[in-house]
Amino acid sequence: MQELAHISLLVKDYDEAIEFYTKKLNFKLIEDTPLSDTKRWVLVAPPGSAGCCLLLAKAANKEQESRIGNQTGGRVFLFLHTDNFDSDFENLKEKNIKIIRGPNEEPYGTVAVFEDLYGNLWDLIQPKTN
């Protein structure tokens, strides 16, 4: 068996990223372990998630810094599934998170695109149930 454990997300600063994900998106801080004076192992995940976590990775050089907020060339990068779209979408608006598109009804469910604190694009999706 194989599964994705973590997805690395480049950030400018550990603490500001932790604050955004835990205070604005209501993610849980799973781990924050110092590895050196400049490097930490920081994992966050949506509430109720039992799978993949985001590894918040502070950019270590100029090339990595140039990718913060645009790890996918402007495409949606991460897909956050929800079982209560209306509540989660309201939370995005209340927390002044920039909404790029939506909400829209698509064949696969209700979706809106939003930006994280660095400009990475996310889909908030409530999948259709059969």
C-alpha atoms as a PDB file:
ATOM      1  CA  MET A   1       0.000   0.000   0.000  1.00  0.00           C
ATOM      2  CA  GLN A   2       1.122   3.553  -0.720  1.00  0.00           C
ATOM      3  CA  GLU A   3      -0.322   6.920   0.228  1.00  0.00           C
ATOM      4  CA  LEU A   4       0.674  10.564   0.096  1.00  0.00           C
ATOM      5  CA  ALA A   5       1.811  11.627   3.541  1.00  0.00           C
ATOM      6  CA  HIS A   6       2.736  15.315   3.110  1.00  0.00           C
ATOM      7  CA  ILE A   7       2.739  18.025   0.466  1.00  0.00           C
ATOM      8  CA  SER A   8       5.471  20.623   0.829  1.00  0.00           C
ATOM      9  CA  LEU A   9       4.298  24.233   0.628  1.00  0.00           C
ATOM     10  CA  LEU A  10       6.942  26.953   0.426  1.00  0.00           C
ATOM     11  CA  VAL A  11       6.409  29.782   2.915  1.00  0.00           C
ATOM     12  CA  LYS A  12       8.203  33.028   3.812  1.00  0.00           C
ATOM     13  CA  ASP A  13       7.858  32.593   7.554  1.00  0.00           C
ATOM     14  CA  TYR A  14       6.806  29.627   9.673  1.00  0.00           C
ATOM     15  CA  ASP A  15       4.838  31.588  12.252  1.00  0.00           C
ATOM     16  CA  GLU A  16       2.828  33.713   9.809  1.00  0.00           C
ATOM     17  CA  ALA A  17       1.969  30.580   7.814  1.00  0.00           C
ATOM     18  CA  ILE A  18       0.923  28.692  10.954  1.00  0.00           C
ATOM     19  CA  GLU A  19      -1.247  31.627  11.981  1.00  0.00           C
ATOM     20  CA  PHE A  20      -2.943  31.801   8.557  1.00  0.00           C
ATOM     21  CA  TYR A  21      -3.685  28.097   8.317  1.00  0.00           C
ATOM     22  CA  THR A  22      -4.780  27.639  11.936  1.00  0.00           C
ATOM     23  CA  LYS A  23      -6.606  30.945  12.520  1.00  0.00           C
ATOM     24  CA  LYS A  24      -8.092  31.648   9.085  1.00  0.00           C
ATOM     25  CA  LEU A  25      -8.620  28.190   7.569  1.00  0.00           C
ATOM     26  CA  ASN A  26      -9.108  26.507  10.958  1.00  0.00           C
ATOM     27  CA  PHE A  27      -6.504  23.822  10.230  1.00  0.00           C
ATOM     28  CA  LYS A  28      -4.924  21.959  13.129  1.00  0.00           C
ATOM     29  CA  LEU A  29      -1.241  22.305  13.936  1.00  0.00           C
ATOM     30  CA  ILE A  30      -0.115  18.675  13.862  1.00  0.00           C
ATOM     31  CA  GLU A  31       3.586  19.198  14.556  1.00  0.00           C
ATOM     32  CA  ASP A  32       6.098  22.007  14.996  1.00  0.00           C
ATOM     33  CA  THR A  33       9.544  20.568  15.701  1.00  0.00           C
ATOM     34  CA  PRO A  34      12.781  22.592  15.482  1.00  0.00           C
ATOM     35  CA  LEU A  35      15.392  20.857  13.294  1.00  0.00           C
ATOM     36  CA  SER A  36      18.069  23.567  13.453  1.00  0.00           C
ATOM     37  CA  ASP A  37      18.348  27.278  14.198  1.00  0.00           C
ATOM     38  CA  THR A  38      16.614  28.065  10.893  1.00  0.00           C
ATOM     39  CA  LYS A  39      14.616  24.953   9.973  1.00  0.00           C
ATOM     40  CA  ARG A  40      11.456  23.483  11.494  1.00  0.00           C
ATOM     41  CA  TRP A  41       9.251  20.487  10.693  1.00  0.00           C
ATOM     42  CA  VAL A  42       5.771  22.052  10.594  1.00  0.00           C
ATOM     43  CA  LEU A  43       2.680  20.047   9.656  1.00  0.00           C
ATOM     44  CA  VAL A  44      -0.879  21.386   9.424  1.00  0.00           C
ATOM     45  CA  ALA A  45      -4.080  19.652   8.314  1.00  0.00           C
ATOM     46  CA  PRO A  46      -7.776  20.433   7.981  1.00  0.00           C
ATOM     47  CA  PRO A  47      -9.956  19.463  10.937  1.00  0.00           C
ATOM     48  CA  GLY A  48     -11.140  15.879  10.627  1.00  0.00           C
ATOM     49  CA  SER A  49      -8.463  14.985   8.083  1.00  0.00           C
ATOM     50  CA  ALA A  50      -6.886  11.593   8.610  1.00  0.00           C
ATOM     51  CA  GLY A  51      -4.665  11.675   5.551  1.00  0.00           C
ATOM     52  CA  CYS A  52      -2.221  13.994   3.885  1.00  0.00           C
ATOM     53  CA  CYS A  53      -0.811  17.025   5.743  1.00  0.00           C
ATOM     54  CA  LEU A  54       0.764  20.230   4.488  1.00  0.00           C
ATOM     55  CA  LEU A  55       4.449  20.526   5.316  1.00  0.00           C
ATOM     56  CA  LEU A  56       5.114  24.244   5.708  1.00  0.00           C
ATOM     57  CA  ALA A  57       8.651  24.634   4.369  1.00  0.00           C
ATOM     58  CA  LYS A  58      10.432  27.956   4.795  1.00  0.00           C
ATOM     59  CA  ALA A  59      12.218  28.936   1.604  1.00  0.00           C
ATOM     60  CA  ALA A  60      15.944  28.394   2.092  1.00  0.00           C
ATOM     61  CA  ASN A  61      17.378  30.334  -0.868  1.00  0.00           C
ATOM     62  CA  LYS A  62      16.521  32.905  -3.556  1.00  0.00           C
ATOM     63  CA  GLU A  63      15.249  30.322  -6.037  1.00  0.00           C
ATOM     64  CA  GLN A  64      12.862  28.824  -3.486  1.00  0.00           C
ATOM     65  CA  GLU A  65      11.769  32.323  -2.429  1.00  0.00           C
ATOM     66  CA  SER A  66      10.882  33.071  -6.065  1.00  0.00           C
ATOM     67  CA  ARG A  67       8.409  30.150  -6.021  1.00  0.00           C
ATOM     68  CA  ILE A  68       6.495  31.195  -2.896  1.00  0.00           C
ATOM     69  CA  GLY A  69       2.874  31.693  -3.889  1.00  0.00           C
ATOM     70  CA  ASN A  70       3.317  30.274  -7.376  1.00  0.00           C
ATOM     71  CA  GLN A  71       4.473  26.702  -7.094  1.00  0.00           C
ATOM     72  CA  THR A  72       2.210  25.661  -9.995  1.00  0.00           C
ATOM     73  CA  GLY A  73       2.612  28.468 -12.511  1.00  0.00           C
ATOM     74  CA  GLY A  74      -0.716  30.101 -11.632  1.00  0.00           C
ATOM     75  CA  ARG A  75      -2.899  26.986 -11.645  1.00  0.00           C
ATOM     76  CA  VAL A  76      -4.960  25.867  -8.695  1.00  0.00           C
ATOM     77  CA  PHE A  77      -2.510  24.054  -6.445  1.00  0.00           C
ATOM     78  CA  LEU A  78      -4.483  22.489  -3.619  1.00  0.00           C
ATOM     79  CA  PHE A  79      -8.005  21.078  -3.379  1.00  0.00           C
ATOM     80  CA  LEU A  80      -9.828  21.307  -0.051  1.00  0.00           C
ATOM     81  CA  HIS A  81     -12.918  19.098   0.176  1.00  0.00           C
ATOM     82  CA  THR A  82     -15.708  20.025   2.564  1.00  0.00           C
ATOM     83  CA  ASP A  83     -19.006  18.560   3.675  1.00  0.00           C
ATOM     84  CA  ASN A  84     -20.412  22.043   4.441  1.00  0.00           C
ATOM     85  CA  PHE A  85     -19.564  24.396   1.605  1.00  0.00           C
ATOM     86  CA  ASP A  86     -21.790  27.255   2.780  1.00  0.00           C
ATOM     87  CA  SER A  87     -20.232  27.390   6.248  1.00  0.00           C
ATOM     88  CA  ASP A  88     -16.658  27.104   4.980  1.00  0.00           C
ATOM     89  CA  PHE A  89     -17.236  29.681   2.232  1.00  0.00           C
ATOM     90  CA  GLU A  90     -18.688  32.097   4.809  1.00  0.00           C
ATOM     91  CA  ASN A  91     -15.593  31.535   6.953  1.00  0.00           C
ATOM     92  CA  LEU A  92     -13.367  32.510   4.013  1.00  0.00           C
ATOM     93  CA  LYS A  93     -15.326  35.737   3.538  1.00  0.00           C
ATOM     94  CA  GLU A  94     -15.409  36.535   7.275  1.00  0.00           C
ATOM     95  CA  LYS A  95     -11.639  36.051   7.521  1.00  0.00           C
ATOM     96  CA  ASN A  96     -11.085  38.363   4.512  1.00  0.00           C
ATOM     97  CA  ILE A  97      -9.558  35.620   2.393  1.00  0.00           C
ATOM     98  CA  LYS A  98      -9.432  36.660  -1.256  1.00  0.00           C
ATOM     99  CA  ILE A  99     -12.039  34.818  -3.349  1.00  0.00           C
ATOM    100  CA  ILE A 100     -10.930  34.482  -6.978  1.00  0.00           C
ATOM    101  CA  ARG A 101     -13.968  32.691  -8.476  1.00  0.00           C
ATOM    102  CA  GLY A 102     -17.263  31.257  -7.410  1.00  0.00           C
ATOM    103  CA  PRO A 103     -19.056  29.755  -5.874  1.00  0.00           C
ATOM    104  CA  ASN A 104     -20.129  27.765  -8.921  1.00  0.00           C
ATOM    105  CA  GLU A 105     -22.071  24.567  -9.418  1.00  0.00           C
ATOM    106  CA  GLU A 106     -20.038  22.132 -11.508  1.00  0.00           C
ATOM    107  CA  PRO A 107     -20.756  18.528 -12.542  1.00  0.00           C
ATOM    108  CA  TYR A 108     -18.488  17.333  -9.711  1.00  0.00           C
ATOM    109  CA  GLY A 109     -19.863  19.646  -6.990  1.00  0.00           C
ATOM    110  CA  THR A 110     -19.886  23.183  -5.613  1.00  0.00           C
ATOM    111  CA  VAL A 111     -16.565  24.984  -5.968  1.00  0.00           C
ATOM    112  CA  ALA A 112     -14.899  28.310  -5.224  1.00  0.00           C
ATOM    113  CA  VAL A 113     -11.289  29.347  -5.818  1.00  0.00           C
ATOM    114  CA  PHE A 114      -9.459  31.309  -3.125  1.00  0.00           C
ATOM    115  CA  GLU A 115      -5.920  32.513  -2.393  1.00  0.00           C
ATOM    116  CA  ASP A 116      -3.826  31.670   0.623  1.00  0.00           C
ATOM    117  CA  LEU A 117      -1.648  34.297   2.305  1.00  0.00           C
ATOM    118  CA  TYR A 118       1.040  34.004  -0.399  1.00  0.00           C
ATOM    119  CA  GLY A 119      -1.231  33.852  -3.451  1.00  0.00           C
ATOM    120  CA  ASN A 120      -1.361  30.075  -3.988  1.00  0.00           C
ATOM    121  CA  LEU A 121      -4.703  29.125  -5.503  1.00  0.00           C
ATOM    122  CA  TRP A 122      -6.969  26.631  -3.746  1.00  0.00           C
ATOM    123  CA  ASP A 123     -10.273  25.039  -4.696  1.00  0.00           C
ATOM    124  CA  LEU A 124     -12.848  24.715  -1.927  1.00  0.00           C
ATOM    125  CA  ILE A 125     -15.068  21.860  -3.119  1.00  0.00           C
ATOM    126  CA  GLN A 126     -18.131  20.145  -1.787  1.00  0.00           C
ATOM    127  CA  PRO A 127     -18.275  17.052  -3.983  1.00  0.00           C
ATOM    128  CA  LYS A 128     -21.633  15.923  -5.299  1.00  0.00           C
ATOM    129  CA  THR A 129     -23.030  12.883  -3.610  1.00  0.00           C
ATOM    130  CA  ASN A 130     -24.741  10.166  -5.596  1.00  0.00           C
END
